[in-house]
């Protein structure tokens, strides 16, 4: 599930972090010009004008008849963040209070439906 910034550079799409005049591109595989940042994570900083496309991607879903964002996944579970805007509904669902107005939970992937990506940019 995708969540965050993505850039198209030299015909390939990379997860990225845009900055002041540059873009940090991330790859899970070693590539020419990329530097190892952590095990299985390689980074290359390129000037922003070299990026063909910059976009922000979120993945939305429905769980327990309520709207959520999918912000992570692990071993058959999805980390979801409630987007319904009702604190009483979030609390009734038993969601974890993460921050003011932010409620999250781990949901079994088999219980989540209507999964769709939204792309901005």
C-alpha atoms as a PDB file:
ATOM      1  CA  UNK A   1       0.000   0.000   0.000  1.00  0.00           C
ATOM      2  CA  UNK A   2       1.386   3.362  -0.967  1.00  0.00           C
ATOM      3  CA  UNK A   3       1.307   6.407   1.269  1.00  0.00           C
ATOM      4  CA  UNK A   4       3.501   9.431   0.668  1.00  0.00           C
ATOM      5  CA  UNK A   5       5.435  11.207  -2.044  1.00  0.00           C
ATOM      6  CA  UNK A   6       6.520   9.531  -5.287  1.00  0.00           C
ATOM      7  CA  UNK A   7       8.630  10.904  -8.118  1.00  0.00           C
ATOM      8  CA  UNK A   8       9.181   9.804 -11.694  1.00  0.00           C
ATOM      9  CA  UNK A   9      12.838  10.243 -12.590  1.00  0.00           C
ATOM     10  CA  UNK A  10      14.453   8.926 -15.772  1.00  0.00           C
ATOM     11  CA  UNK A  11      11.299   6.945 -16.556  1.00  0.00           C
ATOM     12  CA  UNK A  12      11.109   5.128 -13.187  1.00  0.00           C
ATOM     13  CA  UNK A  13       8.971   5.776 -10.153  1.00  0.00           C
ATOM     14  CA  UNK A  14      10.587   6.125  -6.727  1.00  0.00           C
ATOM     15  CA  UNK A  15       9.333   6.821  -3.240  1.00  0.00           C
ATOM     16  CA  UNK A  16      10.775  10.211  -2.421  1.00  0.00           C
ATOM     17  CA  UNK A  17      11.090  13.178  -0.100  1.00  0.00           C
ATOM     18  CA  UNK A  18      10.931  16.577  -1.814  1.00  0.00           C
ATOM     19  CA  UNK A  19      13.091  19.338  -0.339  1.00  0.00           C
ATOM     20  CA  UNK A  20      14.234  22.871  -1.068  1.00  0.00           C
ATOM     21  CA  UNK A  21      15.206  22.582  -4.726  1.00  0.00           C
ATOM     22  CA  UNK A  22      15.993  18.872  -4.613  1.00  0.00           C
ATOM     23  CA  UNK A  23      14.303  15.505  -4.246  1.00  0.00           C
ATOM     24  CA  UNK A  24      15.591  12.509  -2.278  1.00  0.00           C
ATOM     25  CA  UNK A  25      14.813   9.329  -4.241  1.00  0.00           C
ATOM     26  CA  UNK A  26      14.608   5.979  -2.418  1.00  0.00           C
ATOM     27  CA  UNK A  27      15.186   2.489  -3.755  1.00  0.00           C
ATOM     28  CA  UNK A  28      15.056  -0.923  -2.102  1.00  0.00           C
ATOM     29  CA  UNK A  29      17.766  -2.123  -4.510  1.00  0.00           C
ATOM     30  CA  UNK A  30      21.322  -0.873  -5.006  1.00  0.00           C
ATOM     31  CA  UNK A  31      21.613   1.333  -8.098  1.00  0.00           C
ATOM     32  CA  UNK A  32      24.329   3.378  -9.731  1.00  0.00           C
ATOM     33  CA  UNK A  33      24.476   6.778  -8.057  1.00  0.00           C
ATOM     34  CA  UNK A  34      22.486   5.687  -5.001  1.00  0.00           C
ATOM     35  CA  UNK A  35      24.078   5.454  -1.554  1.00  0.00           C
ATOM     36  CA  UNK A  36      23.217   2.860   1.090  1.00  0.00           C
ATOM     37  CA  UNK A  37      21.216   4.577   3.847  1.00  0.00           C
ATOM     38  CA  UNK A  38      20.146   1.456   5.761  1.00  0.00           C
ATOM     39  CA  UNK A  39      19.812  -2.250   5.004  1.00  0.00           C
ATOM     40  CA  UNK A  40      17.548  -2.477   1.936  1.00  0.00           C
ATOM     41  CA  UNK A  41      17.315   1.311   1.553  1.00  0.00           C
ATOM     42  CA  UNK A  42      19.298   3.358  -0.938  1.00  0.00           C
ATOM     43  CA  UNK A  43      19.048   7.098  -1.571  1.00  0.00           C
ATOM     44  CA  UNK A  44      20.010   9.562  -4.269  1.00  0.00           C
ATOM     45  CA  UNK A  45      19.495  13.316  -4.163  1.00  0.00           C
ATOM     46  CA  UNK A  46      18.647  14.917  -7.509  1.00  0.00           C
ATOM     47  CA  UNK A  47      17.782  18.505  -8.453  1.00  0.00           C
ATOM     48  CA  UNK A  48      14.018  19.029  -8.477  1.00  0.00           C
ATOM     49  CA  UNK A  49      14.082  20.175 -12.109  1.00  0.00           C
ATOM     50  CA  UNK A  50      15.305  16.691 -13.146  1.00  0.00           C
ATOM     51  CA  UNK A  51      12.140  15.039 -11.779  1.00  0.00           C
ATOM     52  CA  UNK A  52       9.532  14.413 -14.480  1.00  0.00           C
ATOM     53  CA  UNK A  53       6.604  14.082 -12.078  1.00  0.00           C
ATOM     54  CA  UNK A  54       6.030  14.571  -8.356  1.00  0.00           C
ATOM     55  CA  UNK A  55       2.879  13.257  -6.743  1.00  0.00           C
ATOM     56  CA  UNK A  56       1.400  12.431  -3.361  1.00  0.00           C
ATOM     57  CA  UNK A  57      -0.357   9.078  -2.989  1.00  0.00           C
ATOM     58  CA  UNK A  58      -2.774   7.935  -0.285  1.00  0.00           C
ATOM     59  CA  UNK A  59      -4.606   4.635  -0.021  1.00  0.00           C
ATOM     60  CA  UNK A  60      -8.149   4.767   1.340  1.00  0.00           C
ATOM     61  CA  UNK A  61     -10.357   1.950   2.557  1.00  0.00           C
ATOM     62  CA  UNK A  62     -13.421   1.043   4.581  1.00  0.00           C
ATOM     63  CA  UNK A  63     -13.179  -0.987   7.796  1.00  0.00           C
ATOM     64  CA  UNK A  64     -16.100  -1.677  10.104  1.00  0.00           C
ATOM     65  CA  UNK A  65     -18.257   0.504   7.822  1.00  0.00           C
ATOM     66  CA  UNK A  66     -16.088   3.570   8.493  1.00  0.00           C
ATOM     67  CA  UNK A  67     -13.551   5.431   6.278  1.00  0.00           C
ATOM     68  CA  UNK A  68      -9.814   5.052   6.856  1.00  0.00           C
ATOM     69  CA  UNK A  69      -6.416   5.718   5.318  1.00  0.00           C
ATOM     70  CA  UNK A  70      -4.011   2.794   5.078  1.00  0.00           C
ATOM     71  CA  UNK A  71      -0.690   4.043   6.428  1.00  0.00           C
ATOM     72  CA  UNK A  72       1.221   0.772   6.742  1.00  0.00           C
ATOM     73  CA  UNK A  73       1.084  -2.984   6.481  1.00  0.00           C
ATOM     74  CA  UNK A  74       2.741  -5.920   8.197  1.00  0.00           C
ATOM     75  CA  UNK A  75       2.198  -9.663   8.109  1.00  0.00           C
ATOM     76  CA  UNK A  76      -1.481  -9.704   7.108  1.00  0.00           C
ATOM     77  CA  UNK A  77      -2.409  -6.574   9.054  1.00  0.00           C
ATOM     78  CA  UNK A  78      -2.972  -3.002   7.887  1.00  0.00           C
ATOM     79  CA  UNK A  79      -2.245   0.084   9.959  1.00  0.00           C
ATOM     80  CA  UNK A  80      -5.282   2.286   9.413  1.00  0.00           C
ATOM     81  CA  UNK A  81      -6.097   5.847  10.401  1.00  0.00           C
ATOM     82  CA  UNK A  82      -9.691   6.917  10.889  1.00  0.00           C
ATOM     83  CA  UNK A  83     -10.892   9.733   8.609  1.00  0.00           C
ATOM     84  CA  UNK A  84     -14.531   9.906   9.658  1.00  0.00           C
ATOM     85  CA  UNK A  85     -14.036  12.955  11.871  1.00  0.00           C
ATOM     86  CA  UNK A  86     -16.087  11.757  14.847  1.00  0.00           C
ATOM     87  CA  UNK A  87     -14.195  11.210  18.101  1.00  0.00           C
ATOM     88  CA  UNK A  88     -17.168   9.382  19.697  1.00  0.00           C
ATOM     89  CA  UNK A  89     -17.360   7.002  16.694  1.00  0.00           C
ATOM     90  CA  UNK A  90     -13.589   6.410  16.822  1.00  0.00           C
ATOM     91  CA  UNK A  91     -13.769   5.638  20.524  1.00  0.00           C
ATOM     92  CA  UNK A  92     -16.789   3.342  20.011  1.00  0.00           C
ATOM     93  CA  UNK A  93     -14.713   1.428  17.442  1.00  0.00           C
ATOM     94  CA  UNK A  94     -12.004   0.950  20.073  1.00  0.00           C
ATOM     95  CA  UNK A  95      -9.372   2.796  18.033  1.00  0.00           C
ATOM     96  CA  UNK A  96      -6.100   3.907  19.604  1.00  0.00           C
ATOM     97  CA  UNK A  97      -5.863   7.623  20.320  1.00  0.00           C
ATOM     98  CA  UNK A  98      -2.694   8.696  18.521  1.00  0.00           C
ATOM     99  CA  UNK A  99      -2.880  12.494  18.645  1.00  0.00           C
ATOM    100  CA  UNK A 100      -5.525  15.195  18.846  1.00  0.00           C
ATOM    101  CA  UNK A 101      -8.242  14.090  16.401  1.00  0.00           C
ATOM    102  CA  UNK A 102      -6.132  11.161  15.154  1.00  0.00           C
ATOM    103  CA  UNK A 103      -7.196   7.578  15.813  1.00  0.00           C
ATOM    104  CA  UNK A 104      -5.457   4.473  14.485  1.00  0.00           C
ATOM    105  CA  UNK A 105      -5.631   0.687  14.679  1.00  0.00           C
ATOM    106  CA  UNK A 106      -4.253  -2.531  13.230  1.00  0.00           C
ATOM    107  CA  UNK A 107      -6.919  -4.159  11.043  1.00  0.00           C
ATOM    108  CA  UNK A 108      -6.768  -7.672   9.584  1.00  0.00           C
ATOM    109  CA  UNK A 109      -6.350  -7.314   5.819  1.00  0.00           C
ATOM    110  CA  UNK A 110      -9.270  -9.746   5.347  1.00  0.00           C
ATOM    111  CA  UNK A 111     -11.661  -7.298   7.058  1.00  0.00           C
ATOM    112  CA  UNK A 112     -10.740  -4.241   4.981  1.00  0.00           C
ATOM    113  CA  UNK A 113     -12.644  -3.385   1.816  1.00  0.00           C
ATOM    114  CA  UNK A 114     -13.021  -0.759  -0.890  1.00  0.00           C
ATOM    115  CA  UNK A 115      -9.254  -0.236  -1.088  1.00  0.00           C
ATOM    116  CA  UNK A 116      -8.334   2.492  -3.567  1.00  0.00           C
ATOM    117  CA  UNK A 117      -5.423   4.784  -4.282  1.00  0.00           C
ATOM    118  CA  UNK A 118      -5.822   8.509  -4.693  1.00  0.00           C
ATOM    119  CA  UNK A 119      -3.062  10.407  -6.476  1.00  0.00           C
ATOM    120  CA  UNK A 120      -2.510  14.149  -6.118  1.00  0.00           C
ATOM    121  CA  UNK A 121      -0.158  16.101  -8.325  1.00  0.00           C
END
